[in-house]
């Protein structure tokens, strides 16, 4: 994770009350988002697709927002990801992802 940003509201409490768990979360992000073979932008696009495929409205919106802010991910790049979601996860996941995208204030 390029920036220490968590979108879960509970992470603030974990950071304060259980710093060991918080530090483990930071280390896990650092291990997962390495950029060794796939660059961080590609990894973020994958994260958007996974969140969309899981039909997690909040997570997909936050992933899109952070990708646009941190990596200049475009609307068209997100739509390309959501096309794959449509193929593999189905129309409900796709439409939720599109809804999240269009609910973002540009």
N, C-alpha and C. Protein backbone atom coordinates (compact mmCIF):
# COMPACT_ATOMS: atom_id res chain seq x y z
N UNK A 1 0.86 -1.17 0.00
CA UNK A 1 0.00 0.00 0.00
C UNK A 1 0.90 1.22 0.00
N UNK A 2 0.69 2.07 -0.95
CA UNK A 2 1.55 3.23 -1.09
C UNK A 2 1.38 4.23 0.04
N UNK A 3 0.15 4.45 0.45
CA UNK A 3 -0.12 5.32 1.58
C UNK A 3 -0.75 4.49 2.68
N UNK A 4 -0.54 4.89 3.91
CA UNK A 4 -1.13 4.17 5.03
C UNK A 4 -2.59 4.61 5.17
N UNK A 5 -3.44 4.07 4.30
CA UNK A 5 -4.85 4.43 4.29
C UNK A 5 -5.67 3.16 4.38
N UNK A 6 -6.54 3.11 5.38
CA UNK A 6 -7.47 2.01 5.51
C UNK A 6 -8.87 2.61 5.47
N UNK A 7 -9.76 1.97 4.75
CA UNK A 7 -11.10 2.49 4.62
C UNK A 7 -12.06 1.87 5.64
N UNK A 8 -11.60 0.89 6.35
CA UNK A 8 -12.43 0.31 7.39
C UNK A 8 -12.43 1.24 8.60
N UNK A 9 -13.61 1.57 9.07
CA UNK A 9 -13.71 2.47 10.22
C UNK A 9 -13.08 1.87 11.46
N UNK A 10 -13.02 0.55 11.54
CA UNK A 10 -12.47 -0.11 12.71
C UNK A 10 -10.96 -0.02 12.83
N UNK A 11 -10.27 0.31 11.74
CA UNK A 11 -8.80 0.34 11.79
C UNK A 11 -8.28 1.41 12.72
N UNK A 12 -9.00 2.51 12.89
CA UNK A 12 -8.57 3.55 13.81
C UNK A 12 -8.48 2.99 15.23
N UNK A 13 -9.49 2.20 15.62
CA UNK A 13 -9.51 1.62 16.95
C UNK A 13 -8.44 0.55 17.10
N UNK A 14 -8.23 -0.22 16.06
CA UNK A 14 -7.19 -1.24 16.10
C UNK A 14 -5.82 -0.59 16.26
N UNK A 15 -5.60 0.50 15.54
CA UNK A 15 -4.32 1.21 15.63
C UNK A 15 -4.08 1.70 17.06
N UNK A 16 -5.13 2.21 17.67
CA UNK A 16 -5.01 2.75 19.04
C UNK A 16 -4.91 1.65 20.10
N UNK A 17 -5.74 0.63 19.98
CA UNK A 17 -5.85 -0.37 21.04
C UNK A 17 -4.99 -1.61 20.83
N UNK A 18 -4.70 -1.94 19.58
CA UNK A 18 -3.94 -3.16 19.26
C UNK A 18 -2.88 -2.84 18.20
N UNK A 19 -1.89 -2.07 18.57
CA UNK A 19 -0.89 -1.65 17.58
C UNK A 19 -0.17 -2.82 16.91
N UNK A 20 -0.06 -3.96 17.58
CA UNK A 20 0.59 -5.11 16.96
C UNK A 20 -0.22 -5.62 15.78
N UNK A 21 -1.55 -5.65 15.91
CA UNK A 21 -2.40 -6.07 14.79
C UNK A 21 -2.38 -5.04 13.66
N UNK A 22 -2.36 -3.80 14.04
CA UNK A 22 -2.29 -2.74 13.03
C UNK A 22 -0.98 -2.84 12.24
N UNK A 23 0.12 -3.00 12.96
CA UNK A 23 1.43 -3.14 12.29
C UNK A 23 1.46 -4.35 11.38
N UNK A 24 0.82 -5.45 11.80
CA UNK A 24 0.76 -6.64 10.96
C UNK A 24 -0.03 -6.36 9.68
N UNK A 25 -1.08 -5.57 9.78
CA UNK A 25 -1.86 -5.20 8.59
C UNK A 25 -1.02 -4.37 7.63
N UNK A 26 -0.25 -3.45 8.16
CA UNK A 26 0.64 -2.62 7.32
C UNK A 26 1.66 -3.52 6.63
N UNK A 27 2.27 -4.43 7.37
CA UNK A 27 3.27 -5.33 6.78
C UNK A 27 2.65 -6.21 5.71
N UNK A 28 1.43 -6.70 5.94
CA UNK A 28 0.75 -7.54 4.96
C UNK A 28 0.51 -6.76 3.66
N UNK A 29 0.07 -5.52 3.78
CA UNK A 29 -0.12 -4.69 2.59
C UNK A 29 1.20 -4.50 1.85
N UNK A 30 2.27 -4.25 2.59
CA UNK A 30 3.58 -4.06 1.96
C UNK A 30 4.04 -5.31 1.23
N UNK A 31 3.74 -6.48 1.79
CA UNK A 31 4.12 -7.74 1.16
C UNK A 31 3.28 -8.00 -0.08
N UNK A 32 2.00 -7.66 -0.02
CA UNK A 32 1.09 -7.94 -1.15
C UNK A 32 1.28 -6.95 -2.30
N UNK A 33 1.45 -5.69 -1.97
CA UNK A 33 1.62 -4.67 -3.01
C UNK A 33 3.12 -4.39 -3.21
N UNK A 34 3.82 -5.33 -3.80
CA UNK A 34 5.26 -5.20 -3.96
C UNK A 34 5.66 -4.50 -5.25
N UNK A 35 4.88 -4.69 -6.30
CA UNK A 35 5.27 -4.13 -7.58
C UNK A 35 6.44 -4.86 -8.22
N UNK A 36 6.74 -6.06 -7.75
CA UNK A 36 7.88 -6.80 -8.29
C UNK A 36 7.68 -7.17 -9.76
N UNK A 37 6.54 -7.73 -10.08
CA UNK A 37 6.26 -8.12 -11.46
C UNK A 37 5.16 -7.26 -12.04
N UNK A 38 4.06 -7.18 -11.32
CA UNK A 38 2.96 -6.30 -11.73
C UNK A 38 3.14 -4.96 -11.03
N UNK A 39 3.02 -3.89 -11.77
CA UNK A 39 3.16 -2.58 -11.14
C UNK A 39 1.97 -2.31 -10.23
N UNK A 40 2.12 -1.31 -9.37
CA UNK A 40 1.10 -1.01 -8.37
C UNK A 40 -0.24 -0.65 -9.02
N UNK A 41 -0.21 0.04 -10.14
CA UNK A 41 -1.46 0.40 -10.82
C UNK A 41 -2.22 -0.86 -11.26
N UNK A 42 -1.52 -1.81 -11.82
CA UNK A 42 -2.14 -3.06 -12.24
C UNK A 42 -2.70 -3.80 -11.02
N UNK A 43 -1.95 -3.83 -9.94
CA UNK A 43 -2.42 -4.47 -8.73
C UNK A 43 -3.67 -3.78 -8.20
N UNK A 44 -3.73 -2.47 -8.28
CA UNK A 44 -4.91 -1.73 -7.82
C UNK A 44 -6.11 -2.04 -8.70
N UNK A 45 -5.90 -2.16 -10.01
CA UNK A 45 -7.00 -2.53 -10.91
C UNK A 45 -7.52 -3.93 -10.57
N UNK A 46 -6.63 -4.83 -10.21
CA UNK A 46 -7.05 -6.16 -9.78
C UNK A 46 -7.88 -6.05 -8.50
N UNK A 47 -7.43 -5.21 -7.57
CA UNK A 47 -8.17 -5.02 -6.32
C UNK A 47 -9.57 -4.48 -6.59
N UNK A 48 -9.70 -3.57 -7.54
CA UNK A 48 -11.01 -3.04 -7.92
C UNK A 48 -11.88 -4.17 -8.44
N UNK A 49 -11.32 -5.01 -9.28
CA UNK A 49 -12.07 -6.14 -9.83
C UNK A 49 -12.51 -7.13 -8.76
N UNK A 50 -11.65 -7.42 -7.82
CA UNK A 50 -12.00 -8.35 -6.75
C UNK A 50 -13.11 -7.77 -5.89
N UNK A 51 -12.99 -6.50 -5.53
CA UNK A 51 -14.03 -5.87 -4.71
C UNK A 51 -15.36 -5.85 -5.45
N UNK A 52 -15.30 -5.56 -6.75
CA UNK A 52 -16.54 -5.54 -7.55
C UNK A 52 -17.13 -6.94 -7.66
N UNK A 53 -16.29 -7.93 -7.91
CA UNK A 53 -16.78 -9.31 -8.04
C UNK A 53 -17.42 -9.80 -6.75
N UNK A 54 -16.95 -9.29 -5.62
CA UNK A 54 -17.51 -9.66 -4.33
C UNK A 54 -18.79 -8.87 -4.02
N UNK A 55 -19.17 -7.97 -4.94
CA UNK A 55 -20.35 -7.12 -4.76
C UNK A 55 -20.28 -6.29 -3.48
N UNK A 56 -19.07 -5.87 -3.13
CA UNK A 56 -18.87 -5.04 -1.94
C UNK A 56 -18.88 -3.58 -2.36
N UNK A 57 -20.05 -2.97 -2.30
CA UNK A 57 -20.25 -1.60 -2.79
C UNK A 57 -19.26 -0.61 -2.19
N UNK A 58 -19.12 -0.67 -0.88
CA UNK A 58 -18.24 0.29 -0.20
C UNK A 58 -16.78 0.08 -0.60
N UNK A 59 -16.35 -1.18 -0.63
CA UNK A 59 -14.95 -1.46 -0.95
C UNK A 59 -14.62 -1.09 -2.38
N UNK A 60 -15.52 -1.38 -3.32
CA UNK A 60 -15.22 -1.05 -4.71
C UNK A 60 -15.14 0.46 -4.89
N UNK A 61 -16.03 1.20 -4.25
CA UNK A 61 -15.98 2.66 -4.34
C UNK A 61 -14.68 3.20 -3.77
N UNK A 62 -14.27 2.69 -2.62
CA UNK A 62 -13.03 3.16 -1.99
C UNK A 62 -11.80 2.76 -2.82
N UNK A 63 -11.82 1.56 -3.40
CA UNK A 63 -10.70 1.14 -4.26
C UNK A 63 -10.60 2.03 -5.50
N UNK A 64 -11.75 2.33 -6.09
CA UNK A 64 -11.75 3.21 -7.27
C UNK A 64 -11.24 4.60 -6.89
N UNK A 65 -11.76 5.14 -5.80
CA UNK A 65 -11.34 6.48 -5.37
C UNK A 65 -9.83 6.54 -5.11
N UNK A 66 -9.31 5.57 -4.39
CA UNK A 66 -7.88 5.61 -4.10
C UNK A 66 -7.05 5.40 -5.36
N UNK A 67 -7.53 4.54 -6.27
CA UNK A 67 -6.82 4.34 -7.53
C UNK A 67 -6.79 5.59 -8.39
N UNK A 68 -7.90 6.30 -8.42
CA UNK A 68 -7.97 7.55 -9.19
C UNK A 68 -7.07 8.61 -8.57
N UNK A 69 -7.09 8.68 -7.24
CA UNK A 69 -6.30 9.70 -6.53
C UNK A 69 -4.80 9.40 -6.60
N UNK A 70 -4.42 8.18 -6.26
CA UNK A 70 -3.01 7.82 -6.14
C UNK A 70 -2.35 7.54 -7.48
N UNK A 71 -3.10 6.95 -8.42
CA UNK A 71 -2.48 6.39 -9.62
C UNK A 71 -3.06 6.91 -10.93
N UNK A 72 -3.92 7.91 -10.83
CA UNK A 72 -4.57 8.48 -12.02
C UNK A 72 -5.30 7.42 -12.85
N UNK A 73 -5.88 6.44 -12.18
CA UNK A 73 -6.69 5.45 -12.88
C UNK A 73 -7.90 6.17 -13.47
N UNK A 74 -8.19 5.85 -14.71
CA UNK A 74 -9.27 6.54 -15.41
C UNK A 74 -10.59 5.77 -15.32
N UNK A 75 -11.65 6.46 -15.62
CA UNK A 75 -12.98 5.84 -15.68
C UNK A 75 -12.96 4.69 -16.68
N UNK A 76 -12.35 4.89 -17.84
CA UNK A 76 -12.31 3.85 -18.87
C UNK A 76 -11.53 2.62 -18.41
N UNK A 77 -10.47 2.81 -17.64
CA UNK A 77 -9.72 1.67 -17.12
C UNK A 77 -10.60 0.87 -16.14
N UNK A 78 -11.35 1.58 -15.31
CA UNK A 78 -12.25 0.91 -14.37
C UNK A 78 -13.32 0.14 -15.14
N UNK A 79 -13.87 0.74 -16.18
CA UNK A 79 -14.90 0.06 -16.98
C UNK A 79 -14.32 -1.20 -17.62
N UNK A 80 -13.08 -1.16 -18.09
CA UNK A 80 -12.45 -2.36 -18.64
C UNK A 80 -12.38 -3.47 -17.59
N UNK A 81 -12.03 -3.11 -16.37
CA UNK A 81 -12.00 -4.09 -15.28
C UNK A 81 -13.41 -4.64 -15.04
N UNK A 82 -14.38 -3.75 -15.03
CA UNK A 82 -15.75 -4.18 -14.75
C UNK A 82 -16.32 -5.05 -15.87
N UNK A 83 -15.80 -4.91 -17.08
CA UNK A 83 -16.21 -5.81 -18.17
C UNK A 83 -15.82 -7.25 -17.85
N UNK A 84 -14.63 -7.42 -17.28
CA UNK A 84 -14.19 -8.75 -16.89
C UNK A 84 -15.03 -9.27 -15.72
N UNK A 85 -15.37 -8.37 -14.81
CA UNK A 85 -16.26 -8.74 -13.71
C UNK A 85 -17.59 -9.23 -14.26
N UNK A 86 -18.13 -8.54 -15.26
CA UNK A 86 -19.38 -8.96 -15.88
C UNK A 86 -19.27 -10.39 -16.41
N UNK A 87 -18.18 -10.68 -17.09
CA UNK A 87 -17.98 -11.99 -17.68
C UNK A 87 -17.83 -13.09 -16.62
N UNK A 88 -17.10 -12.80 -15.57
CA UNK A 88 -16.76 -13.85 -14.60
C UNK A 88 -17.62 -13.87 -13.35
N UNK A 89 -18.17 -12.72 -12.96
CA UNK A 89 -18.95 -12.67 -11.72
C UNK A 89 -20.43 -12.39 -11.97
N UNK A 90 -20.76 -11.94 -13.17
CA UNK A 90 -22.16 -11.75 -13.50
C UNK A 90 -22.63 -10.31 -13.47
N UNK A 91 -23.85 -10.16 -13.95
CA UNK A 91 -24.44 -8.83 -14.11
C UNK A 91 -24.66 -8.09 -12.78
N UNK A 92 -25.13 -8.75 -11.70
CA UNK A 92 -25.32 -7.99 -10.46
C UNK A 92 -24.02 -7.35 -9.95
N UNK A 93 -22.93 -8.11 -9.96
CA UNK A 93 -21.65 -7.55 -9.51
C UNK A 93 -21.20 -6.43 -10.43
N UNK A 94 -21.38 -6.62 -11.73
CA UNK A 94 -21.02 -5.60 -12.73
C UNK A 94 -21.81 -4.32 -12.50
N UNK A 95 -23.12 -4.44 -12.35
CA UNK A 95 -23.94 -3.23 -12.21
C UNK A 95 -23.67 -2.52 -10.88
N UNK A 96 -23.36 -3.27 -9.83
CA UNK A 96 -22.97 -2.62 -8.58
C UNK A 96 -21.67 -1.85 -8.74
N UNK A 97 -20.73 -2.45 -9.47
CA UNK A 97 -19.46 -1.77 -9.73
C UNK A 97 -19.65 -0.52 -10.56
N UNK A 98 -20.49 -0.61 -11.59
CA UNK A 98 -20.76 0.57 -12.42
C UNK A 98 -21.46 1.65 -11.61
N UNK A 99 -22.37 1.23 -10.75
CA UNK A 99 -23.06 2.19 -9.89
C UNK A 99 -22.06 2.91 -8.98
N UNK A 100 -21.13 2.17 -8.40
CA UNK A 100 -20.11 2.78 -7.55
C UNK A 100 -19.29 3.78 -8.35
N UNK A 101 -18.91 3.41 -9.56
CA UNK A 101 -18.13 4.29 -10.41
C UNK A 101 -18.89 5.59 -10.71
N UNK A 102 -20.14 5.47 -11.06
CA UNK A 102 -20.91 6.64 -11.44
C UNK A 102 -21.37 7.47 -10.25
N UNK A 103 -21.27 6.92 -9.05
CA UNK A 103 -21.61 7.69 -7.86
C UNK A 103 -20.42 8.48 -7.31
N UNK A 104 -19.28 8.33 -7.94
CA UNK A 104 -18.10 9.08 -7.53
C UNK A 104 -18.18 10.47 -8.16
N UNK A 105 -18.02 11.46 -7.33
CA UNK A 105 -18.01 12.84 -7.82
C UNK A 105 -16.67 13.13 -8.45
N UNK A 106 -16.68 13.46 -9.73
CA UNK A 106 -15.39 13.72 -10.41
C UNK A 106 -15.04 15.19 -10.36
